[in-house]
């Protein structure tokens, strides 16, 4: 049993809390953080009238599921297609340039899921390129410097414009 201590003018009151109450607070905080990240992505897309506005939560959820930086998918889509404005034309629903624009998806959500799954190293066919790598290493594999020399730095710059990597710390330090 956990307790919360409150002080009122020198009087100390102990309030017991169940583990489920603590879990609820943790879940609420986690959801609030996800919502904040999604809002930052959507605000960035909206600022520049990008078609992927409104998909911030999907990107955050898939990034978390695949242990990626929460900003990575959004930044790649901005670099590759201006957030969906100039998505691959020969195939449908590919704002990431995935597969050199030769692979289409049934929906934007499916594109987000598939690219996140691959970049997270969770597809056995592509894991050798992405598994257990840092964001910088993932980007170097996604579009090698020998092909586009400044690609990694460009995507990381976009990530930083979207928001701080650790949003919770950034929010706390601004209070």
N, C-alpha and C. Protein backbone atom coordinates (compact mmCIF):
# COMPACT_ATOMS: atom_id res chain seq x y z
N UNK A 1 0.85 -1.18 0.00
CA UNK A 1 0.00 0.00 0.00
C UNK A 1 0.89 1.23 0.00
N UNK A 2 0.62 2.16 -0.87
CA UNK A 2 1.35 3.40 -0.96
C UNK A 2 0.58 4.47 -0.19
N UNK A 3 1.33 5.44 0.29
CA UNK A 3 0.66 6.53 0.98
C UNK A 3 1.12 7.86 0.41
N UNK A 4 0.24 8.83 0.50
CA UNK A 4 0.56 10.18 0.11
C UNK A 4 0.56 11.02 1.38
N UNK A 5 1.62 11.81 1.57
CA UNK A 5 1.71 12.66 2.75
C UNK A 5 1.35 14.08 2.37
N UNK A 6 0.46 14.68 3.14
CA UNK A 6 0.07 16.07 2.95
C UNK A 6 0.29 16.81 4.26
N UNK A 7 0.77 18.03 4.16
CA UNK A 7 0.96 18.84 5.37
C UNK A 7 0.04 20.04 5.31
N UNK A 8 -0.67 20.25 6.43
CA UNK A 8 -1.58 21.39 6.57
C UNK A 8 -1.21 22.14 7.83
N UNK A 9 -0.49 23.25 7.69
CA UNK A 9 -0.13 24.07 8.85
C UNK A 9 0.51 23.28 9.97
N UNK A 10 1.45 22.44 9.65
CA UNK A 10 2.16 21.67 10.67
C UNK A 10 1.53 20.33 10.95
N UNK A 11 0.30 20.11 10.55
CA UNK A 11 -0.38 18.83 10.74
C UNK A 11 -0.10 17.95 9.53
N UNK A 12 0.40 16.75 9.79
CA UNK A 12 0.75 15.83 8.70
C UNK A 12 -0.33 14.77 8.60
N UNK A 13 -0.86 14.58 7.37
CA UNK A 13 -1.92 13.60 7.14
C UNK A 13 -1.41 12.58 6.13
N UNK A 14 -1.53 11.31 6.48
CA UNK A 14 -1.14 10.22 5.57
C UNK A 14 -2.41 9.71 4.89
N UNK A 15 -2.37 9.61 3.57
CA UNK A 15 -3.51 9.14 2.80
C UNK A 15 -3.11 7.88 2.04
N UNK A 16 -3.70 6.73 2.37
CA UNK A 16 -3.34 5.51 1.64
C UNK A 16 -3.83 5.55 0.20
N UNK A 17 -3.00 5.01 -0.72
CA UNK A 17 -3.38 4.92 -2.12
C UNK A 17 -3.14 3.50 -2.60
N UNK A 18 -4.06 3.00 -3.36
CA UNK A 18 -3.89 1.66 -3.92
C UNK A 18 -2.92 1.71 -5.09
N UNK A 19 -2.36 0.56 -5.42
CA UNK A 19 -1.47 0.47 -6.56
C UNK A 19 -2.20 0.86 -7.83
N UNK A 20 -3.49 0.54 -7.92
CA UNK A 20 -4.24 0.88 -9.13
C UNK A 20 -4.39 2.40 -9.29
N UNK A 21 -4.46 3.13 -8.20
CA UNK A 21 -4.53 4.59 -8.27
C UNK A 21 -3.22 5.16 -8.80
N UNK A 22 -2.11 4.59 -8.36
CA UNK A 22 -0.80 5.02 -8.84
C UNK A 22 -0.65 4.67 -10.32
N UNK A 23 -1.10 3.48 -10.72
CA UNK A 23 -1.04 3.08 -12.12
C UNK A 23 -1.88 4.01 -12.98
N UNK A 24 -3.04 4.43 -12.48
CA UNK A 24 -3.90 5.34 -13.23
C UNK A 24 -3.20 6.67 -13.45
N UNK A 25 -2.53 7.19 -12.42
CA UNK A 25 -1.80 8.44 -12.56
C UNK A 25 -0.70 8.28 -13.60
N UNK A 26 0.01 7.15 -13.54
CA UNK A 26 1.08 6.88 -14.50
C UNK A 26 0.52 6.77 -15.92
N UNK A 27 -0.60 6.08 -16.08
CA UNK A 27 -1.23 5.93 -17.38
C UNK A 27 -1.71 7.28 -17.90
N UNK A 28 -2.31 8.09 -17.01
CA UNK A 28 -2.78 9.42 -17.39
C UNK A 28 -1.61 10.29 -17.85
N UNK A 29 -0.48 10.22 -17.14
CA UNK A 29 0.70 11.01 -17.49
C UNK A 29 1.26 10.54 -18.83
N UNK A 30 1.27 9.24 -19.05
CA UNK A 30 1.77 8.68 -20.31
C UNK A 30 0.90 9.13 -21.47
N UNK A 31 -0.41 9.10 -21.28
CA UNK A 31 -1.33 9.54 -22.32
C UNK A 31 -1.15 11.04 -22.60
N UNK A 32 -1.00 11.82 -21.55
CA UNK A 32 -0.82 13.27 -21.72
C UNK A 32 0.47 13.56 -22.49
N UNK A 33 1.51 12.80 -22.22
CA UNK A 33 2.78 12.99 -22.93
C UNK A 33 2.62 12.61 -24.41
N UNK A 34 1.92 11.50 -24.67
CA UNK A 34 1.67 11.10 -26.06
C UNK A 34 0.86 12.17 -26.79
N UNK A 35 -0.16 12.69 -26.11
CA UNK A 35 -1.00 13.72 -26.72
C UNK A 35 -0.19 14.98 -27.01
N UNK A 36 0.74 15.32 -26.12
CA UNK A 36 1.59 16.49 -26.34
C UNK A 36 2.49 16.28 -27.56
N UNK A 37 3.09 15.11 -27.66
CA UNK A 37 3.95 14.80 -28.81
C UNK A 37 3.14 14.85 -30.11
N UNK A 38 1.97 14.23 -30.10
CA UNK A 38 1.12 14.21 -31.29
C UNK A 38 0.72 15.63 -31.68
N UNK A 39 0.39 16.44 -30.70
CA UNK A 39 0.00 17.83 -30.97
C UNK A 39 1.16 18.61 -31.59
N UNK A 40 2.38 18.37 -31.12
CA UNK A 40 3.54 19.06 -31.69
C UNK A 40 3.75 18.67 -33.15
N UNK A 41 3.59 17.40 -33.46
CA UNK A 41 3.69 16.94 -34.85
C UNK A 41 2.59 17.58 -35.69
N UNK A 42 1.35 17.50 -35.21
CA UNK A 42 0.23 18.04 -35.97
C UNK A 42 0.35 19.56 -36.15
N UNK A 43 0.83 20.25 -35.12
CA UNK A 43 1.01 21.71 -35.24
C UNK A 43 2.05 22.03 -36.31
N UNK A 44 3.11 21.26 -36.35
CA UNK A 44 4.14 21.47 -37.37
C UNK A 44 3.56 21.26 -38.77
N UNK A 45 2.84 20.15 -38.95
CA UNK A 45 2.21 19.87 -40.24
C UNK A 45 1.21 20.96 -40.61
N UNK A 46 0.40 21.40 -39.65
CA UNK A 46 -0.61 22.43 -39.92
C UNK A 46 0.03 23.76 -40.28
N UNK A 47 1.11 24.09 -39.60
CA UNK A 47 1.81 25.36 -39.85
C UNK A 47 2.19 25.50 -41.32
N UNK A 48 2.54 24.38 -41.94
CA UNK A 48 2.98 24.40 -43.34
C UNK A 48 1.95 23.76 -44.28
N UNK A 49 0.71 23.65 -43.81
CA UNK A 49 -0.39 23.10 -44.62
C UNK A 49 -0.05 21.75 -45.25
N UNK A 50 0.49 20.86 -44.44
CA UNK A 50 0.88 19.54 -44.92
C UNK A 50 -0.26 18.54 -44.75
N UNK A 51 -0.49 17.71 -45.75
CA UNK A 51 -1.59 16.75 -45.71
C UNK A 51 -1.55 15.76 -44.55
N UNK A 52 -0.39 15.51 -43.97
CA UNK A 52 -0.32 14.55 -42.87
C UNK A 52 -0.77 15.12 -41.53
N UNK A 53 -1.20 16.37 -41.51
CA UNK A 53 -1.76 16.95 -40.27
C UNK A 53 -2.90 16.07 -39.81
N UNK A 54 -2.93 15.77 -38.52
CA UNK A 54 -3.96 14.91 -37.96
C UNK A 54 -3.48 13.48 -37.75
N UNK A 55 -2.30 13.17 -38.24
CA UNK A 55 -1.77 11.82 -38.08
C UNK A 55 -0.66 11.76 -37.03
N UNK A 56 -0.52 12.81 -36.25
CA UNK A 56 0.52 12.86 -35.22
C UNK A 56 0.41 11.73 -34.21
N UNK A 57 -0.79 11.45 -33.73
CA UNK A 57 -0.96 10.39 -32.73
C UNK A 57 -0.57 9.03 -33.31
N UNK A 58 -0.95 8.77 -34.54
CA UNK A 58 -0.58 7.49 -35.17
C UNK A 58 0.93 7.37 -35.26
N UNK A 59 1.60 8.44 -35.61
CA UNK A 59 3.06 8.42 -35.70
C UNK A 59 3.71 8.19 -34.34
N UNK A 60 3.18 8.85 -33.32
CA UNK A 60 3.71 8.68 -31.96
C UNK A 60 3.49 7.26 -31.48
N UNK A 61 2.30 6.74 -31.68
CA UNK A 61 2.00 5.37 -31.23
C UNK A 61 2.90 4.34 -31.92
N UNK A 62 3.07 4.49 -33.22
CA UNK A 62 3.91 3.53 -33.96
C UNK A 62 5.38 3.70 -33.59
N UNK A 63 5.81 4.92 -33.36
CA UNK A 63 7.20 5.14 -32.93
C UNK A 63 7.44 4.46 -31.58
N UNK A 64 6.51 4.63 -30.65
CA UNK A 64 6.65 4.00 -29.33
C UNK A 64 6.64 2.48 -29.45
N UNK A 65 5.73 1.95 -30.24
CA UNK A 65 5.60 0.51 -30.43
C UNK A 65 6.89 -0.09 -30.98
N UNK A 66 7.60 0.68 -31.81
CA UNK A 66 8.80 0.19 -32.47
C UNK A 66 10.09 0.78 -31.91
N UNK A 67 9.98 1.44 -30.76
CA UNK A 67 11.13 2.01 -30.04
C UNK A 67 11.95 2.98 -30.89
N UNK A 68 11.23 3.88 -31.54
CA UNK A 68 11.85 4.92 -32.35
C UNK A 68 11.66 6.28 -31.69
N UNK A 69 12.48 7.23 -32.06
CA UNK A 69 12.28 8.61 -31.63
C UNK A 69 10.91 9.05 -32.14
N UNK A 70 10.13 9.67 -31.28
CA UNK A 70 8.75 10.03 -31.61
C UNK A 70 8.64 10.99 -32.80
N UNK A 71 9.70 11.70 -33.13
CA UNK A 71 9.68 12.69 -34.21
C UNK A 71 10.15 12.14 -35.56
N UNK A 72 10.73 10.94 -35.55
CA UNK A 72 11.41 10.41 -36.73
C UNK A 72 10.49 10.26 -37.94
N UNK A 73 9.36 9.61 -37.79
CA UNK A 73 8.47 9.38 -38.93
C UNK A 73 7.99 10.69 -39.54
N UNK A 74 7.61 11.62 -38.68
CA UNK A 74 7.15 12.92 -39.17
C UNK A 74 8.25 13.62 -39.95
N UNK A 75 9.46 13.62 -39.40
CA UNK A 75 10.57 14.32 -40.05
C UNK A 75 10.95 13.68 -41.38
N UNK A 76 10.94 12.35 -41.44
CA UNK A 76 11.22 11.69 -42.71
C UNK A 76 10.16 12.07 -43.75
N UNK A 77 8.91 12.10 -43.32
CA UNK A 77 7.84 12.45 -44.28
C UNK A 77 7.99 13.89 -44.77
N UNK A 78 8.47 14.77 -43.90
CA UNK A 78 8.68 16.16 -44.32
C UNK A 78 9.83 16.22 -45.33
N UNK A 79 10.91 15.54 -45.03
CA UNK A 79 12.08 15.55 -45.93
C UNK A 79 11.77 14.87 -47.27
N UNK A 80 11.03 13.79 -47.22
CA UNK A 80 10.76 13.01 -48.44
C UNK A 80 9.64 13.58 -49.30
N UNK A 81 8.61 14.15 -48.66
CA UNK A 81 7.44 14.55 -49.46
C UNK A 81 6.76 15.82 -48.98
N UNK A 82 7.46 16.63 -48.20
CA UNK A 82 6.88 17.83 -47.63
C UNK A 82 5.60 17.48 -46.88
N UNK A 83 5.70 16.47 -46.03
CA UNK A 83 4.58 16.06 -45.20
C UNK A 83 3.38 15.54 -45.98
N UNK A 84 3.66 14.91 -47.12
CA UNK A 84 2.59 14.35 -47.94
C UNK A 84 2.21 15.21 -49.14
N UNK A 85 2.69 16.45 -49.20
CA UNK A 85 2.35 17.32 -50.34
C UNK A 85 2.85 16.74 -51.65
N UNK A 86 4.04 16.16 -51.61
CA UNK A 86 4.65 15.63 -52.83
C UNK A 86 4.94 14.14 -52.65
N UNK A 87 3.94 13.42 -52.16
CA UNK A 87 4.09 11.98 -51.94
C UNK A 87 4.33 11.28 -53.27
N UNK A 88 4.86 10.10 -53.19
CA UNK A 88 5.14 9.30 -54.40
C UNK A 88 3.92 9.31 -55.32
N UNK A 89 4.15 9.52 -56.59
CA UNK A 89 3.02 9.62 -57.53
C UNK A 89 2.70 8.32 -58.25
N UNK A 90 3.67 7.42 -58.38
CA UNK A 90 3.43 6.17 -59.10
C UNK A 90 2.73 5.13 -58.24
N UNK A 91 2.73 5.34 -56.93
CA UNK A 91 2.06 4.44 -56.00
C UNK A 91 1.25 5.28 -55.02
N UNK A 92 0.34 4.64 -54.30
CA UNK A 92 -0.53 5.36 -53.38
C UNK A 92 0.01 5.35 -51.95
N UNK A 93 -0.30 6.42 -51.24
CA UNK A 93 -0.09 6.51 -49.80
C UNK A 93 1.34 6.22 -49.35
N UNK A 94 2.30 6.84 -50.00
CA UNK A 94 3.69 6.68 -49.61
C UNK A 94 4.36 8.05 -49.46
N UNK A 95 4.19 8.69 -48.29
CA UNK A 95 4.83 9.98 -48.07
C UNK A 95 6.27 9.86 -47.56
N UNK A 96 6.76 8.63 -47.43
CA UNK A 96 8.09 8.39 -46.87
C UNK A 96 9.14 8.08 -47.93
N UNK A 97 8.75 7.95 -49.17
CA UNK A 97 9.69 7.55 -50.21
C UNK A 97 10.13 6.11 -50.03
N UNK A 98 9.38 5.35 -49.24
CA UNK A 98 9.73 3.97 -48.90
C UNK A 98 9.87 3.14 -50.17
N UNK A 99 10.94 2.36 -50.23
CA UNK A 99 11.16 1.50 -51.39
C UNK A 99 11.39 2.28 -52.66
N UNK A 100 12.05 3.43 -52.54
CA UNK A 100 12.32 4.30 -53.70
C UNK A 100 11.04 4.63 -54.46
N UNK A 101 9.96 4.82 -53.69
CA UNK A 101 8.65 5.18 -54.26
C UNK A 101 8.09 4.10 -55.18
N UNK A 102 8.49 2.86 -54.97
CA UNK A 102 7.96 1.75 -55.76
C UNK A 102 6.96 0.91 -54.97
N UNK A 103 6.78 1.27 -53.69
CA UNK A 103 5.88 0.51 -52.81
C UNK A 103 4.75 1.43 -52.36
N UNK A 104 3.53 1.02 -52.63
CA UNK A 104 2.37 1.77 -52.18
C UNK A 104 1.71 1.07 -51.01
N UNK A 105 0.80 1.77 -50.37
CA UNK A 105 0.11 1.24 -49.19
C UNK A 105 -1.39 1.46 -49.33
N UNK A 106 -2.16 0.62 -48.66
CA UNK A 106 -3.62 0.74 -48.75
C UNK A 106 -4.14 2.01 -48.07
N UNK A 107 -3.34 2.56 -47.14
CA UNK A 107 -3.74 3.79 -46.45
C UNK A 107 -2.50 4.47 -45.88
N UNK A 108 -2.64 5.72 -45.49
CA UNK A 108 -1.54 6.43 -44.84
C UNK A 108 -1.20 5.76 -43.51
N UNK A 109 -2.23 5.32 -42.78
CA UNK A 109 -1.96 4.64 -41.51
C UNK A 109 -1.13 3.38 -41.72
N UNK A 110 -1.43 2.63 -42.77
CA UNK A 110 -0.66 1.42 -43.07
C UNK A 110 0.78 1.78 -43.44
N UNK A 111 0.96 2.88 -44.15
CA UNK A 111 2.31 3.34 -44.49
C UNK A 111 3.08 3.67 -43.22
N UNK A 112 2.45 4.37 -42.30
CA UNK A 112 3.09 4.73 -41.02
C UNK A 112 3.47 3.47 -40.26
N UNK A 113 2.54 2.53 -40.17
CA UNK A 113 2.80 1.27 -39.45
C UNK A 113 3.96 0.50 -40.07
N UNK A 114 3.95 0.39 -41.38
CA UNK A 114 4.96 -0.41 -42.08
C UNK A 114 6.34 0.21 -41.97
N UNK A 115 6.44 1.50 -42.19
CA UNK A 115 7.74 2.16 -42.12
C UNK A 115 8.28 2.10 -40.69
N UNK A 116 7.43 2.34 -39.71
CA UNK A 116 7.87 2.27 -38.30
C UNK A 116 8.34 0.85 -37.96
N UNK A 117 7.58 -0.14 -38.38
CA UNK A 117 7.92 -1.54 -38.13
C UNK A 117 9.30 -1.88 -38.70
N UNK A 118 9.55 -1.41 -39.91
CA UNK A 118 10.84 -1.66 -40.55
C UNK A 118 11.97 -0.88 -39.88
N UNK A 119 11.78 0.41 -39.66
CA UNK A 119 12.83 1.22 -39.05
C UNK A 119 13.16 0.78 -37.63
N UNK A 120 12.18 0.18 -36.96
CA UNK A 120 12.41 -0.34 -35.61
C UNK A 120 13.17 -1.65 -35.62
N UNK A 121 13.47 -2.18 -36.81
CA UNK A 121 14.21 -3.43 -36.91
C UNK A 121 13.35 -4.65 -36.67
N UNK A 122 12.04 -4.51 -36.85
CA UNK A 122 11.12 -5.59 -36.53
C UNK A 122 10.64 -6.41 -37.72
N UNK A 123 11.13 -6.09 -38.90
CA UNK A 123 10.82 -6.88 -40.08
C UNK A 123 12.07 -7.72 -40.39
N UNK A 124 11.96 -9.04 -40.32
CA UNK A 124 13.14 -9.88 -40.56
C UNK A 124 13.83 -9.60 -41.90
N UNK A 125 13.07 -9.13 -42.90
CA UNK A 125 13.65 -8.87 -44.21
C UNK A 125 14.52 -7.61 -44.25
N UNK A 126 14.26 -6.67 -43.33
CA UNK A 126 15.03 -5.42 -43.34
C UNK A 126 15.78 -5.17 -42.03
N UNK A 127 15.65 -6.09 -41.09
CA UNK A 127 16.24 -5.90 -39.75
C UNK A 127 17.74 -5.63 -39.80
N UNK A 128 18.44 -6.26 -40.73
CA UNK A 128 19.89 -6.08 -40.78
C UNK A 128 20.28 -4.62 -41.01
N UNK A 129 19.37 -3.84 -41.59
CA UNK A 129 19.64 -2.42 -41.84
C UNK A 129 19.33 -1.52 -40.65
N UNK A 130 18.35 -1.93 -39.83
CA UNK A 130 17.82 -1.01 -38.82
C UNK A 130 17.86 -1.48 -37.38
N UNK A 131 17.94 -2.76 -37.14
CA UNK A 131 17.83 -3.29 -35.77
C UNK A 131 18.96 -2.79 -34.88
N UNK A 132 18.59 -2.39 -33.67
CA UNK A 132 19.54 -1.97 -32.63
C UNK A 132 20.42 -0.80 -33.05
N UNK A 133 19.86 0.12 -33.80
CA UNK A 133 20.63 1.27 -34.25
C UNK A 133 20.10 2.57 -33.66
N UNK A 134 20.97 3.55 -33.57
CA UNK A 134 20.57 4.88 -33.12
C UNK A 134 19.77 5.54 -34.24
N UNK A 135 19.14 6.64 -33.93
CA UNK A 135 18.38 7.38 -34.93
C UNK A 135 19.28 7.78 -36.10
N UNK A 136 20.45 8.27 -35.79
CA UNK A 136 21.41 8.68 -36.83
C UNK A 136 21.78 7.48 -37.71
N UNK A 137 22.03 6.34 -37.11
CA UNK A 137 22.38 5.14 -37.87
C UNK A 137 21.21 4.65 -38.73
N UNK A 138 20.00 4.76 -38.19
CA UNK A 138 18.81 4.39 -38.96
C UNK A 138 18.70 5.28 -40.19
N UNK A 139 18.90 6.56 -40.01
CA UNK A 139 18.80 7.49 -41.14
C UNK A 139 19.90 7.26 -42.16
N UNK A 140 21.10 6.93 -41.70
CA UNK A 140 22.20 6.64 -42.63
C UNK A 140 21.91 5.39 -43.45
N UNK A 141 21.19 4.44 -42.86
CA UNK A 141 20.80 3.23 -43.58
C UNK A 141 19.62 3.52 -44.52
N UNK A 142 18.70 4.37 -44.08
CA UNK A 142 17.50 4.70 -44.85
C UNK A 142 17.87 5.41 -46.15
N UNK A 143 18.79 6.33 -46.05
CA UNK A 143 19.24 7.09 -47.22
C UNK A 143 20.72 7.39 -47.01
N UNK A 144 21.59 6.49 -47.43
CA UNK A 144 23.02 6.59 -47.14
C UNK A 144 23.66 7.89 -47.60
N UNK A 145 24.65 8.37 -46.83
CA UNK A 145 25.36 9.60 -47.19
C UNK A 145 25.99 9.55 -48.58
N UNK A 146 26.30 8.36 -49.06
CA UNK A 146 26.87 8.24 -50.40
C UNK A 146 25.84 8.59 -51.49
N UNK A 147 24.56 8.54 -51.12
CA UNK A 147 23.49 8.86 -52.08
C UNK A 147 23.01 10.30 -51.88
N UNK A 148 22.70 10.64 -50.63
CA UNK A 148 22.28 12.01 -50.30
C UNK A 148 23.12 12.45 -49.10
N UNK A 149 24.22 13.15 -49.35
CA UNK A 149 25.21 13.44 -48.30
C UNK A 149 24.66 14.09 -47.03
N UNK A 150 23.73 14.99 -47.12
CA UNK A 150 23.26 15.72 -45.92
C UNK A 150 21.91 15.24 -45.41
N UNK A 151 21.43 14.12 -45.92
CA UNK A 151 20.10 13.62 -45.57
C UNK A 151 19.91 13.48 -44.07
N UNK A 152 20.80 12.79 -43.40
CA UNK A 152 20.66 12.55 -41.96
C UNK A 152 20.58 13.85 -41.19
N UNK A 153 21.47 14.78 -41.48
CA UNK A 153 21.45 16.07 -40.78
C UNK A 153 20.18 16.85 -41.08
N UNK A 154 19.69 16.75 -42.31
CA UNK A 154 18.46 17.44 -42.68
C UNK A 154 17.28 16.90 -41.89
N UNK A 155 17.17 15.58 -41.78
CA UNK A 155 16.04 14.97 -41.05
C UNK A 155 16.15 15.31 -39.57
N UNK A 156 17.33 15.25 -39.02
CA UNK A 156 17.52 15.58 -37.59
C UNK A 156 17.18 17.04 -37.34
N UNK A 157 17.51 17.92 -38.26
CA UNK A 157 17.14 19.33 -38.13
C UNK A 157 15.62 19.49 -38.10
N UNK A 158 14.92 18.77 -38.95
CA UNK A 158 13.45 18.82 -38.95
C UNK A 158 12.91 18.27 -37.63
N UNK A 159 13.50 17.18 -37.15
CA UNK A 159 13.07 16.61 -35.87
C UNK A 159 13.16 17.66 -34.77
N UNK A 160 14.26 18.40 -34.74
CA UNK A 160 14.45 19.42 -33.71
C UNK A 160 13.48 20.58 -33.85
N UNK A 161 13.05 20.88 -35.07
CA UNK A 161 12.04 21.92 -35.28
C UNK A 161 10.67 21.47 -34.80
N UNK A 162 10.41 20.18 -34.89
CA UNK A 162 9.12 19.64 -34.43
C UNK A 162 9.04 19.73 -32.91
N UNK A 163 10.12 19.40 -32.23
CA UNK A 163 10.11 19.47 -30.77
C UNK A 163 11.35 18.82 -30.17
N UNK A 164 11.50 18.99 -28.87
CA UNK A 164 12.63 18.41 -28.16
C UNK A 164 12.45 16.90 -28.04
N UNK A 165 13.56 16.17 -28.10
CA UNK A 165 13.49 14.71 -27.99
C UNK A 165 12.77 14.28 -26.73
N UNK A 166 13.14 14.87 -25.61
CA UNK A 166 12.49 14.54 -24.34
C UNK A 166 11.53 15.66 -23.98
N UNK A 167 10.33 15.56 -24.48
CA UNK A 167 9.32 16.60 -24.29
C UNK A 167 9.02 16.84 -22.82
N UNK A 168 8.97 15.79 -22.02
CA UNK A 168 8.63 15.94 -20.60
C UNK A 168 9.63 16.84 -19.89
N UNK A 169 10.91 16.67 -20.17
CA UNK A 169 11.94 17.51 -19.55
C UNK A 169 11.84 18.93 -20.07
N UNK A 170 11.61 19.08 -21.39
CA UNK A 170 11.48 20.41 -21.98
C UNK A 170 10.30 21.16 -21.40
N UNK A 171 9.18 20.48 -21.19
CA UNK A 171 8.00 21.12 -20.61
C UNK A 171 8.30 21.53 -19.17
N UNK A 172 8.90 20.63 -18.40
CA UNK A 172 9.20 20.90 -16.99
C UNK A 172 10.17 22.07 -16.85
N UNK A 173 11.15 22.17 -17.75
CA UNK A 173 12.14 23.24 -17.62
C UNK A 173 11.58 24.60 -18.02
N UNK A 174 10.48 24.62 -18.76
CA UNK A 174 9.85 25.88 -19.15
C UNK A 174 8.87 26.41 -18.12
N UNK A 175 8.64 25.62 -17.06
CA UNK A 175 7.68 26.06 -16.03
C UNK A 175 8.35 26.90 -14.99
